[in-house]
């Protein structure tokens, strides 16, 4: 669905639904095609109608069938996020300014559940920067997100333990105090938007995983791209440096440094993420510090 060159008034913006609405996919907040609806409703009467599309990002297990939902502009963005993540075989880095929400959250959750279905040992690191200014405890903020993205993973048992190892980390630097309540309290934070897979594939650019900002009316114009090859190792190397910072506690030279992490399964509660993520030899000269 190409929307480039069109005015905001011409953008396809679907009607978003909520829990309890008939024909609503509650995770994506989008209407299901054909479920008692004559067509795909638009967000506003003046908007073009939504487009019925089979979404890959609705699949949560290998071999699953995509659900058909009424979508709008920028559908390729969350579809690409999902498609990149599910290619992970051993190592996965996901970095963002803020933790994903809305449709992005649903797509990422399904991708993580899909990886669990591969029954392979995969190390996954989520990195974020912007704190939840309404949260009194940032660890709980991260734990809520962890609970959300692992919601559909099969319950681990002694005979069939999960082979995913997930860590969510956050860092920000507040020049004067630790009890940040607004963005202006911050001096620095993680702002990288990267999905890096096995040191061979990366999606990176300017998009945050924020549904209201990118998927509705008057969206932010941003650009991201997918690249393959050795360049992906540099993305992991860059994120390794940030994880090294998170896994080292204490105060910074100029003020308070907020560093938090939570782990899944709970048995890893005291373990920070592997640094470097990929051991030497997995993808050639990954640990070399000199940039080629």
C-alpha atoms as a PDB file:
ATOM      1  CA  UNK A   1       0.000   0.000   0.000  1.00  0.00           C
ATOM      2  CA  UNK A   2       1.921   3.025  -1.268  1.00  0.00           C
ATOM      3  CA  UNK A   3       1.025   6.293   0.458  1.00  0.00           C
ATOM      4  CA  UNK A   4       4.088   8.310  -0.538  1.00  0.00           C
ATOM      5  CA  UNK A   5       3.356  11.713  -2.018  1.00  0.00           C
ATOM      6  CA  UNK A   6      -0.178  11.853  -0.663  1.00  0.00           C
ATOM      7  CA  UNK A   7      -1.536  14.528   1.635  1.00  0.00           C
ATOM      8  CA  UNK A   8      -2.530  13.705   5.203  1.00  0.00           C
ATOM      9  CA  UNK A   9      -6.210  13.857   4.196  1.00  0.00           C
ATOM     10  CA  UNK A  10      -5.626  11.081   1.644  1.00  0.00           C
ATOM     11  CA  UNK A  11      -3.916   8.657   4.014  1.00  0.00           C
ATOM     12  CA  UNK A  12      -5.669   5.364   4.686  1.00  0.00           C
ATOM     13  CA  UNK A  13      -6.359   5.421   8.425  1.00  0.00           C
ATOM     14  CA  UNK A  14      -8.388   2.430   9.647  1.00  0.00           C
ATOM     15  CA  UNK A  15     -10.920   2.560  12.447  1.00  0.00           C
ATOM     16  CA  UNK A  16      -9.314   1.306  15.643  1.00  0.00           C
ATOM     17  CA  UNK A  17     -11.308  -0.915  17.963  1.00  0.00           C
ATOM     18  CA  UNK A  18     -11.126  -1.751  21.650  1.00  0.00           C
ATOM     19  CA  UNK A  19     -11.873  -4.694  23.882  1.00  0.00           C
ATOM     20  CA  UNK A  20     -15.528  -5.630  23.681  1.00  0.00           C
ATOM     21  CA  UNK A  21     -16.100  -4.291  20.171  1.00  0.00           C
ATOM     22  CA  UNK A  22     -17.594  -6.803  17.743  1.00  0.00           C
ATOM     23  CA  UNK A  23     -15.110  -8.208  15.203  1.00  0.00           C
ATOM     24  CA  UNK A  24     -12.140  -6.665  17.040  1.00  0.00           C
ATOM     25  CA  UNK A  25      -8.680  -8.200  17.200  1.00  0.00           C
ATOM     26  CA  UNK A  26      -7.976  -6.922  20.688  1.00  0.00           C
ATOM     27  CA  UNK A  27      -4.173  -7.244  20.518  1.00  0.00           C
ATOM     28  CA  UNK A  28      -3.825  -5.190  17.339  1.00  0.00           C
ATOM     29  CA  UNK A  29      -6.834  -2.967  17.977  1.00  0.00           C
ATOM     30  CA  UNK A  30      -7.932  -3.516  14.370  1.00  0.00           C
ATOM     31  CA  UNK A  31     -11.167  -4.916  12.949  1.00  0.00           C
ATOM     32  CA  UNK A  32     -11.248  -8.427  11.502  1.00  0.00           C
ATOM     33  CA  UNK A  33     -12.137  -8.533   7.814  1.00  0.00           C
ATOM     34  CA  UNK A  34     -15.594  -9.765   6.904  1.00  0.00           C
ATOM     35  CA  UNK A  35     -16.731 -10.453  10.456  1.00  0.00           C
ATOM     36  CA  UNK A  36     -20.138  -8.883  10.024  1.00  0.00           C
ATOM     37  CA  UNK A  37     -18.696  -5.734   8.454  1.00  0.00           C
ATOM     38  CA  UNK A  38     -19.698  -4.690   4.910  1.00  0.00           C
ATOM     39  CA  UNK A  39     -16.256  -3.125   4.411  1.00  0.00           C
ATOM     40  CA  UNK A  40     -13.185  -2.016   6.349  1.00  0.00           C
ATOM     41  CA  UNK A  41     -14.237   1.052   8.349  1.00  0.00           C
ATOM     42  CA  UNK A  42     -12.190   4.248   8.321  1.00  0.00           C
ATOM     43  CA  UNK A  43     -11.078   6.225  11.351  1.00  0.00           C
ATOM     44  CA  UNK A  44     -13.227   9.189  10.252  1.00  0.00           C
ATOM     45  CA  UNK A  45     -16.091   9.359   7.728  1.00  0.00           C
ATOM     46  CA  UNK A  46     -13.944  11.549   5.477  1.00  0.00           C
ATOM     47  CA  UNK A  47     -11.001   9.105   5.465  1.00  0.00           C
ATOM     48  CA  UNK A  48     -10.433   6.419   2.815  1.00  0.00           C
ATOM     49  CA  UNK A  49     -11.581   2.980   3.945  1.00  0.00           C
ATOM     50  CA  UNK A  50      -9.129   0.564   5.500  1.00  0.00           C
ATOM     51  CA  UNK A  51      -7.685  -2.267   3.425  1.00  0.00           C
ATOM     52  CA  UNK A  52      -8.292  -5.941   4.209  1.00  0.00           C
ATOM     53  CA  UNK A  53      -4.839  -7.542   4.500  1.00  0.00           C
ATOM     54  CA  UNK A  54      -3.457 -10.884   5.672  1.00  0.00           C
ATOM     55  CA  UNK A  55      -0.906  -9.794   8.289  1.00  0.00           C
ATOM     56  CA  UNK A  56       2.197 -11.914   8.773  1.00  0.00           C
ATOM     57  CA  UNK A  57       2.633 -10.293  12.177  1.00  0.00           C
ATOM     58  CA  UNK A  58      -0.499 -12.025  13.502  1.00  0.00           C
ATOM     59  CA  UNK A  59       1.252 -15.410  13.273  1.00  0.00           C
ATOM     60  CA  UNK A  60       2.649 -16.574  16.621  1.00  0.00           C
ATOM     61  CA  UNK A  61       3.857 -20.079  15.716  1.00  0.00           C
ATOM     62  CA  UNK A  62       5.838 -21.576  12.820  1.00  0.00           C
ATOM     63  CA  UNK A  63       3.416 -22.737  10.136  1.00  0.00           C
ATOM     64  CA  UNK A  64       0.571 -20.530  11.389  1.00  0.00           C
ATOM     65  CA  UNK A  65      -1.947 -18.831   9.129  1.00  0.00           C
ATOM     66  CA  UNK A  66      -2.058 -14.992   9.007  1.00  0.00           C
ATOM     67  CA  UNK A  67      -5.258 -13.301  10.138  1.00  0.00           C
ATOM     68  CA  UNK A  68      -6.951 -10.831   7.809  1.00  0.00           C
ATOM     69  CA  UNK A  69      -7.369  -7.431   9.437  1.00  0.00           C
ATOM     70  CA  UNK A  70      -8.457  -3.978   8.271  1.00  0.00           C
ATOM     71  CA  UNK A  71      -5.232  -1.982   8.102  1.00  0.00           C
ATOM     72  CA  UNK A  72      -4.078   1.457   7.029  1.00  0.00           C
ATOM     73  CA  UNK A  73      -0.925   3.284   6.006  1.00  0.00           C
ATOM     74  CA  UNK A  74       2.528   2.189   7.245  1.00  0.00           C
ATOM     75  CA  UNK A  75       1.474  -1.452   7.631  1.00  0.00           C
ATOM     76  CA  UNK A  76       4.830  -2.470   6.133  1.00  0.00           C
ATOM     77  CA  UNK A  77       6.631  -0.953   9.132  1.00  0.00           C
ATOM     78  CA  UNK A  78       5.316  -3.314  11.808  1.00  0.00           C
ATOM     79  CA  UNK A  79       5.276  -6.183   9.326  1.00  0.00           C
ATOM     80  CA  UNK A  80       9.007  -5.622   8.721  1.00  0.00           C
ATOM     81  CA  UNK A  81       9.688  -5.412  12.464  1.00  0.00           C
ATOM     82  CA  UNK A  82       8.010  -8.805  12.880  1.00  0.00           C
ATOM     83  CA  UNK A  83       9.678 -10.370   9.830  1.00  0.00           C
ATOM     84  CA  UNK A  84      13.131  -9.273  10.979  1.00  0.00           C
ATOM     85  CA  UNK A  85      12.722 -10.607  14.527  1.00  0.00           C
ATOM     86  CA  UNK A  86      11.503 -14.086  13.555  1.00  0.00           C
ATOM     87  CA  UNK A  87      14.674 -14.698  11.534  1.00  0.00           C
ATOM     88  CA  UNK A  88      16.727 -14.930  14.740  1.00  0.00           C
ATOM     89  CA  UNK A  89      18.406 -18.279  15.309  1.00  0.00           C
ATOM     90  CA  UNK A  90      20.803 -17.526  18.180  1.00  0.00           C
ATOM     91  CA  UNK A  91      21.023 -13.823  19.064  1.00  0.00           C
ATOM     92  CA  UNK A  92      18.632 -10.884  18.871  1.00  0.00           C
ATOM     93  CA  UNK A  93      19.025  -7.221  19.867  1.00  0.00           C
ATOM     94  CA  UNK A  94      16.070  -4.817  19.963  1.00  0.00           C
ATOM     95  CA  UNK A  95      16.785  -1.203  20.878  1.00  0.00           C
ATOM     96  CA  UNK A  96      14.324   1.702  21.042  1.00  0.00           C
ATOM     97  CA  UNK A  97      13.732   5.071  22.660  1.00  0.00           C
ATOM     98  CA  UNK A  98      10.562   3.816  24.334  1.00  0.00           C
ATOM     99  CA  UNK A  99       9.118   0.359  24.871  1.00  0.00           C
ATOM    100  CA  UNK A 100       6.760  -0.699  22.084  1.00  0.00           C
ATOM    101  CA  UNK A 101       3.026  -0.130  22.395  1.00  0.00           C
ATOM    102  CA  UNK A 102      -0.198  -0.845  20.493  1.00  0.00           C
ATOM    103  CA  UNK A 103       0.208  -2.599  17.154  1.00  0.00           C
ATOM    104  CA  UNK A 104       4.002  -2.660  17.455  1.00  0.00           C
ATOM    105  CA  UNK A 105       3.723  -4.406  20.814  1.00  0.00           C
ATOM    106  CA  UNK A 106       1.330  -7.000  19.369  1.00  0.00           C
ATOM    107  CA  UNK A 107       3.649  -7.679  16.414  1.00  0.00           C
ATOM    108  CA  UNK A 108       6.735  -7.997  18.631  1.00  0.00           C
ATOM    109  CA  UNK A 109       4.913 -10.263  21.107  1.00  0.00           C
ATOM    110  CA  UNK A 110       3.863 -12.585  18.296  1.00  0.00           C
ATOM    111  CA  UNK A 111       7.430 -12.608  16.952  1.00  0.00           C
ATOM    112  CA  UNK A 112       8.861 -13.552  20.368  1.00  0.00           C
ATOM    113  CA  UNK A 113       6.231 -16.287  20.734  1.00  0.00           C
ATOM    114  CA  UNK A 114       7.145 -17.497  17.239  1.00  0.00           C
ATOM    115  CA  UNK A 115      10.812 -17.751  18.307  1.00  0.00           C
ATOM    116  CA  UNK A 116       9.781 -19.820  21.332  1.00  0.00           C
ATOM    117  CA  UNK A 117       8.082 -22.207  18.920  1.00  0.00           C
ATOM    118  CA  UNK A 118      11.394 -22.806  17.134  1.00  0.00           C
ATOM    119  CA  UNK A 119      12.610 -24.584  20.310  1.00  0.00           C
ATOM    120  CA  UNK A 120      16.105 -23.127  19.897  1.00  0.00           C
ATOM    121  CA  UNK A 121      18.306 -21.400  22.464  1.00  0.00           C
ATOM    122  CA  UNK A 122      18.096 -17.699  21.591  1.00  0.00           C
ATOM    123  CA  UNK A 123      19.505 -14.805  23.644  1.00  0.00           C
ATOM    124  CA  UNK A 124      17.308 -11.714  23.329  1.00  0.00           C
ATOM    125  CA  UNK A 125      18.132  -8.224  24.591  1.00  0.00           C
ATOM    126  CA  UNK A 126      15.643  -5.334  24.685  1.00  0.00           C
ATOM    127  CA  UNK A 127      17.199  -1.921  25.315  1.00  0.00           C
ATOM    128  CA  UNK A 128      15.258   1.275  26.004  1.00  0.00           C
ATOM    129  CA  UNK A 129      16.050   4.750  27.218  1.00  0.00           C
ATOM    130  CA  UNK A 130      13.014   6.864  28.066  1.00  0.00           C
ATOM    131  CA  UNK A 131      11.645   6.061  31.552  1.00  0.00           C
ATOM    132  CA  UNK A 132       7.988   5.842  32.459  1.00  0.00           C
ATOM    133  CA  UNK A 133       7.573   9.195  34.197  1.00  0.00           C
ATOM    134  CA  UNK A 134       4.429   7.975  35.954  1.00  0.00           C
ATOM    135  CA  UNK A 135       6.154   4.938  37.466  1.00  0.00           C
ATOM    136  CA  UNK A 136       7.591   5.064  40.953  1.00  0.00           C
ATOM    137  CA  UNK A 137       9.646   1.970  40.224  1.00  0.00           C
ATOM    138  CA  UNK A 138      11.293   1.583  36.807  1.00  0.00           C
ATOM    139  CA  UNK A 139      11.999  -2.103  37.453  1.00  0.00           C
ATOM    140  CA  UNK A 140       8.256  -2.713  37.676  1.00  0.00           C
ATOM    141  CA  UNK A 141       7.767  -0.741  34.457  1.00  0.00           C
ATOM    142  CA  UNK A 142      10.193  -3.084  32.686  1.00  0.00           C
ATOM    143  CA  UNK A 143       8.683  -6.157  34.344  1.00  0.00           C
ATOM    144  CA  UNK A 144       5.208  -5.237  33.055  1.00  0.00           C
ATOM    145  CA  UNK A 145       6.613  -5.113  29.546  1.00  0.00           C
ATOM    146  CA  UNK A 146       8.398  -8.447  30.064  1.00  0.00           C
ATOM    147  CA  UNK A 147       5.156 -10.035  31.276  1.00  0.00           C
ATOM    148  CA  UNK A 148       3.381  -8.638  28.229  1.00  0.00           C
ATOM    149  CA  UNK A 149       5.807  -9.852  25.554  1.00  0.00           C
ATOM    150  CA  UNK A 150       6.120 -13.319  27.140  1.00  0.00           C
ATOM    151  CA  UNK A 151       2.365 -13.664  27.704  1.00  0.00           C
ATOM    152  CA  UNK A 152       1.829 -16.301  25.010  1.00  0.00           C
ATOM    153  CA  UNK A 153       5.026 -18.299  25.459  1.00  0.00           C
ATOM    154  CA  UNK A 154       4.224 -21.863  26.409  1.00  0.00           C
ATOM    155  CA  UNK A 155       4.397 -22.451  30.159  1.00  0.00           C
ATOM    156  CA  UNK A 156       7.873 -23.849  30.899  1.00  0.00           C
ATOM    157  CA  UNK A 157       8.004 -27.295  32.491  1.00  0.00           C
ATOM    158  CA  UNK A 158      10.830 -29.472  33.772  1.00  0.00           C
ATOM    159  CA  UNK A 159      10.596 -31.614  30.649  1.00  0.00           C
ATOM    160  CA  UNK A 160      10.093 -28.705  28.274  1.00  0.00           C
ATOM    161  CA  UNK A 161      11.798 -25.557  29.660  1.00  0.00           C
ATOM    162  CA  UNK A 162      11.748 -22.449  27.527  1.00  0.00           C
ATOM    163  CA  UNK A 163      14.969 -21.967  25.565  1.00  0.00           C
ATOM    164  CA  UNK A 164      14.549 -18.217  25.199  1.00  0.00           C
ATOM    165  CA  UNK A 165      16.702 -16.060  27.459  1.00  0.00           C
ATOM    166  CA  UNK A 166      15.353 -12.518  27.511  1.00  0.00           C
ATOM    167  CA  UNK A 167      16.726  -9.421  29.218  1.00  0.00           C
ATOM    168  CA  UNK A 168      15.177  -5.957  29.157  1.00  0.00           C
ATOM    169  CA  UNK A 169      17.458  -3.073  30.072  1.00  0.00           C
ATOM    170  CA  UNK A 170      17.113   0.679  30.371  1.00  0.00           C
ATOM    171  CA  UNK A 171      19.507   3.522  30.951  1.00  0.00           C
ATOM    172  CA  UNK A 172      19.154   7.257  31.263  1.00  0.00           C
ATOM    173  CA  UNK A 173      21.252   9.955  32.859  1.00  0.00           C
ATOM    174  CA  UNK A 174      19.711  12.634  35.068  1.00  0.00           C
ATOM    175  CA  UNK A 175      22.110  15.477  35.791  1.00  0.00           C
ATOM    176  CA  UNK A 176      20.737  16.399  39.194  1.00  0.00           C
ATOM    177  CA  UNK A 177      18.509  13.739  40.719  1.00  0.00           C
ATOM    178  CA  UNK A 178      17.258  10.163  40.361  1.00  0.00           C
ATOM    179  CA  UNK A 179      13.525  10.920  40.742  1.00  0.00           C
ATOM    180  CA  UNK A 180      12.904  12.062  37.171  1.00  0.00           C
ATOM    181  CA  UNK A 181       9.342  13.203  36.475  1.00  0.00           C
ATOM    182  CA  UNK A 182       9.619  14.796  33.004  1.00  0.00           C
ATOM    183  CA  UNK A 183      11.883  14.694  29.918  1.00  0.00           C
ATOM    184  CA  UNK A 184      13.549  17.948  30.930  1.00  0.00           C
ATOM    185  CA  UNK A 185      14.979  16.152  33.988  1.00  0.00           C
ATOM    186  CA  UNK A 186      17.096  13.988  31.664  1.00  0.00           C
ATOM    187  CA  UNK A 187      20.550  14.778  30.316  1.00  0.00           C
ATOM    188  CA  UNK A 188      21.078  11.645  28.191  1.00  0.00           C
ATOM    189  CA  UNK A 189      19.389   8.350  27.325  1.00  0.00           C
ATOM    190  CA  UNK A 190      19.402   5.512  24.804  1.00  0.00           C
ATOM    191  CA  UNK A 191      17.897   6.748  21.540  1.00  0.00           C
ATOM    192  CA  UNK A 192      19.000   4.024  19.099  1.00  0.00           C
ATOM    193  CA  UNK A 193      16.300   2.273  17.062  1.00  0.00           C
ATOM    194  CA  UNK A 194      17.856  -1.040  16.018  1.00  0.00           C
ATOM    195  CA  UNK A 195      16.806  -4.648  15.518  1.00  0.00           C
ATOM    196  CA  UNK A 196      19.924  -6.767  14.965  1.00  0.00           C
ATOM    197  CA  UNK A 197      19.761 -10.488  14.193  1.00  0.00           C
ATOM    198  CA  UNK A 198      22.648 -12.963  14.562  1.00  0.00           C
ATOM    199  CA  UNK A 199      25.257 -10.433  13.421  1.00  0.00           C
ATOM    200  CA  UNK A 200      23.972 -10.762   9.836  1.00  0.00           C
ATOM    201  CA  UNK A 201      20.768  -8.699   9.549  1.00  0.00           C
ATOM    202  CA  UNK A 202      19.628  -5.378  10.972  1.00  0.00           C
ATOM    203  CA  UNK A 203      16.653  -3.045  10.748  1.00  0.00           C
ATOM    204  CA  UNK A 204      17.520   0.452  11.888  1.00  0.00           C
ATOM    205  CA  UNK A 205      16.554   4.052  11.377  1.00  0.00           C
ATOM    206  CA  UNK A 206      14.384   6.723  12.955  1.00  0.00           C
ATOM    207  CA  UNK A 207      11.100   4.977  13.731  1.00  0.00           C
ATOM    208  CA  UNK A 208      10.041   4.508  17.323  1.00  0.00           C
ATOM    209  CA  UNK A 209       7.617   1.685  18.060  1.00  0.00           C
ATOM    210  CA  UNK A 210       4.847   4.149  18.989  1.00  0.00           C
ATOM    211  CA  UNK A 211       1.476   3.461  17.362  1.00  0.00           C
ATOM    212  CA  UNK A 212      -0.122   6.856  17.985  1.00  0.00           C
ATOM    213  CA  UNK A 213       2.824   8.719  16.476  1.00  0.00           C
ATOM    214  CA  UNK A 214       3.289   6.585  13.359  1.00  0.00           C
ATOM    215  CA  UNK A 215       0.104   4.693  12.500  1.00  0.00           C
ATOM    216  CA  UNK A 216      -2.748   7.176  12.869  1.00  0.00           C
ATOM    217  CA  UNK A 217      -3.698  10.545  11.388  1.00  0.00           C
ATOM    218  CA  UNK A 218      -0.888  13.080  10.775  1.00  0.00           C
ATOM    219  CA  UNK A 219       1.895  10.516  11.340  1.00  0.00           C
ATOM    220  CA  UNK A 220       5.514  11.456  11.913  1.00  0.00           C
ATOM    221  CA  UNK A 221       7.574  11.096   8.740  1.00  0.00           C
ATOM    222  CA  UNK A 222      10.609   8.907   9.412  1.00  0.00           C
ATOM    223  CA  UNK A 223      12.839   6.461   7.571  1.00  0.00           C
ATOM    224  CA  UNK A 224      14.271   3.036   8.427  1.00  0.00           C
ATOM    225  CA  UNK A 225      16.028   0.403   6.348  1.00  0.00           C
ATOM    226  CA  UNK A 226      16.977  -3.256   6.426  1.00  0.00           C
ATOM    227  CA  UNK A 227      20.585  -4.196   5.682  1.00  0.00           C
ATOM    228  CA  UNK A 228      22.342  -7.558   5.559  1.00  0.00           C
ATOM    229  CA  UNK A 229      25.962  -8.590   5.929  1.00  0.00           C
ATOM    230  CA  UNK A 230      28.888  -7.662   8.173  1.00  0.00           C
ATOM    231  CA  UNK A 231      27.460  -4.200   8.875  1.00  0.00           C
ATOM    232  CA  UNK A 232      25.024  -5.866  11.288  1.00  0.00           C
ATOM    233  CA  UNK A 233      27.953  -6.836  13.523  1.00  0.00           C
ATOM    234  CA  UNK A 234      28.656  -3.157  14.091  1.00  0.00           C
ATOM    235  CA  UNK A 235      25.105  -2.649  15.368  1.00  0.00           C
ATOM    236  CA  UNK A 236      25.588  -5.421  17.942  1.00  0.00           C
ATOM    237  CA  UNK A 237      29.001  -4.033  18.875  1.00  0.00           C
ATOM    238  CA  UNK A 238      27.478  -0.601  19.471  1.00  0.00           C
ATOM    239  CA  UNK A 239      24.736  -2.083  21.667  1.00  0.00           C
ATOM    240  CA  UNK A 240      27.291  -4.183  23.564  1.00  0.00           C
ATOM    241  CA  UNK A 241      28.815  -0.926  24.803  1.00  0.00           C
ATOM    242  CA  UNK A 242      25.452   0.261  26.103  1.00  0.00           C
ATOM    243  CA  UNK A 243      24.780  -3.051  27.833  1.00  0.00           C
ATOM    244  CA  UNK A 244      28.194  -2.876  29.467  1.00  0.00           C
ATOM    245  CA  UNK A 245      27.088   0.463  30.919  1.00  0.00           C
ATOM    246  CA  UNK A 246      23.767  -0.953  32.169  1.00  0.00           C
ATOM    247  CA  UNK A 247      25.455  -3.931  33.804  1.00  0.00           C
ATOM    248  CA  UNK A 248      27.807  -1.628  35.736  1.00  0.00           C
ATOM    249  CA  UNK A 249      25.944   0.010  38.607  1.00  0.00           C
ATOM    250  CA  UNK A 250      26.586   3.335  40.320  1.00  0.00           C
ATOM    251  CA  UNK A 251      26.563   7.073  39.922  1.00  0.00           C
ATOM    252  CA  UNK A 252      27.944   8.810  36.869  1.00  0.00           C
ATOM    253  CA  UNK A 253      30.546  11.578  37.048  1.00  0.00           C
ATOM    254  CA  UNK A 254      27.954  14.311  36.524  1.00  0.00           C
ATOM    255  CA  UNK A 255      24.952  12.959  38.390  1.00  0.00           C
ATOM    256  CA  UNK A 256      22.609  10.010  38.744  1.00  0.00           C
ATOM    257  CA  UNK A 257      22.606   7.258  36.151  1.00  0.00           C
ATOM    258  CA  UNK A 258      19.411   5.210  36.016  1.00  0.00           C
ATOM    259  CA  UNK A 259      20.239   1.627  35.046  1.00  0.00           C
ATOM    260  CA  UNK A 260      17.653  -1.109  35.274  1.00  0.00           C
ATOM    261  CA  UNK A 261      17.179  -4.614  33.938  1.00  0.00           C
ATOM    262  CA  UNK A 262      14.791  -7.543  34.319  1.00  0.00           C
ATOM    263  CA  UNK A 263      15.231 -11.100  33.067  1.00  0.00           C
ATOM    264  CA  UNK A 264      13.190 -14.044  31.817  1.00  0.00           C
ATOM    265  CA  UNK A 265      12.981 -16.794  33.016  1.00  0.00           C
ATOM    266  CA  UNK A 266      12.876 -15.625  36.644  1.00  0.00           C
ATOM    267  CA  UNK A 267      15.741 -17.994  37.493  1.00  0.00           C
ATOM    268  CA  UNK A 268      18.011 -15.450  35.768  1.00  0.00           C
ATOM    269  CA  UNK A 269      16.802 -12.580  37.963  1.00  0.00           C
ATOM    270  CA  UNK A 270      20.323 -11.658  39.079  1.00  0.00           C
ATOM    271  CA  UNK A 271      21.943 -11.967  35.651  1.00  0.00           C
ATOM    272  CA  UNK A 272      22.481  -8.993  33.403  1.00  0.00           C
ATOM    273  CA  UNK A 273      22.551  -9.549  29.630  1.00  0.00           C
ATOM    274  CA  UNK A 274      25.522 -11.278  27.974  1.00  0.00           C
ATOM    275  CA  UNK A 275      28.213  -8.753  26.988  1.00  0.00           C
ATOM    276  CA  UNK A 276      29.219  -9.165  24.254  1.00  0.00           C
ATOM    277  CA  UNK A 277      26.020 -10.770  23.071  1.00  0.00           C
ATOM    278  CA  UNK A 278      27.759 -12.993  20.525  1.00  0.00           C
ATOM    279  CA  UNK A 279      30.867 -14.909  21.639  1.00  0.00           C
ATOM    280  CA  UNK A 280      34.033 -14.809  19.528  1.00  0.00           C
ATOM    281  CA  UNK A 281      33.912 -16.952  16.414  1.00  0.00           C
ATOM    282  CA  UNK A 282      30.154 -16.872  15.843  1.00  0.00           C
ATOM    283  CA  UNK A 283      30.301 -14.327  13.033  1.00  0.00           C
ATOM    284  CA  UNK A 284      33.963 -13.844  12.265  1.00  0.00           C
ATOM    285  CA  UNK A 285      35.790 -10.960  13.876  1.00  0.00           C
ATOM    286  CA  UNK A 286      32.853  -9.670  15.937  1.00  0.00           C
ATOM    287  CA  UNK A 287      34.906  -8.788  19.024  1.00  0.00           C
ATOM    288  CA  UNK A 288      37.479  -6.711  17.182  1.00  0.00           C
ATOM    289  CA  UNK A 289      37.302  -3.160  18.580  1.00  0.00           C
ATOM    290  CA  UNK A 290      38.788  -1.386  15.571  1.00  0.00           C
ATOM    291  CA  UNK A 291      36.198  -0.198  13.069  1.00  0.00           C
ATOM    292  CA  UNK A 292      36.958  -1.317   9.540  1.00  0.00           C
END
